């Protein structure tokens, strides 16, 4: 019973897991992001997804949904080496770092933690493919220096999408 409680709270150690997918961070509508990740990556099995964040309560609720019950979870700061080691970062093949809203952080703090997490991930596992989301383009150079494979500038994409929609050509329908 103790082992199950630790597992539910993200405190249990992961058993041997290889070539898994790390999804770091949390925000509202996380379940929709997770569903999109699963549908966009048919090669990834549900039980090879490891969530890493500090939104323990929300993740417990998420894992109560039958389709998400086998997703693994590590509770902790995903920019911390110890937390990433618990998530078996050295054996992971891919990681997605989304802007973390699990705590009351400013956008500057959120982007700084994203950069730190990518730097730590690439230091622990240089071969991992990392995609990271940031708000402010001034952090893009830092992510490039950290060898981030893919950078998502949320604010720029939103502006571009809005501007494209204003043209009346229906491009936003194509994108969605």
Foldseek 3Di string as FASTA:
>chain_A
DVQVVCFLQQNHFDDDAAQAEEEEADDPPVVVVVVVVCVVCVVHDLLRYEYEEQLSVVVSVVCVPVVNVNHGYHHDQLLDLVSCVSVVLQRYAEYEYEQHPSDPDDLVVSLVSQLSNLLSSCVSHVRHAYEYEHADCVCVVSNVVSVHNHYHHPPVVVVVLVVVVVVVPCVNVVVD
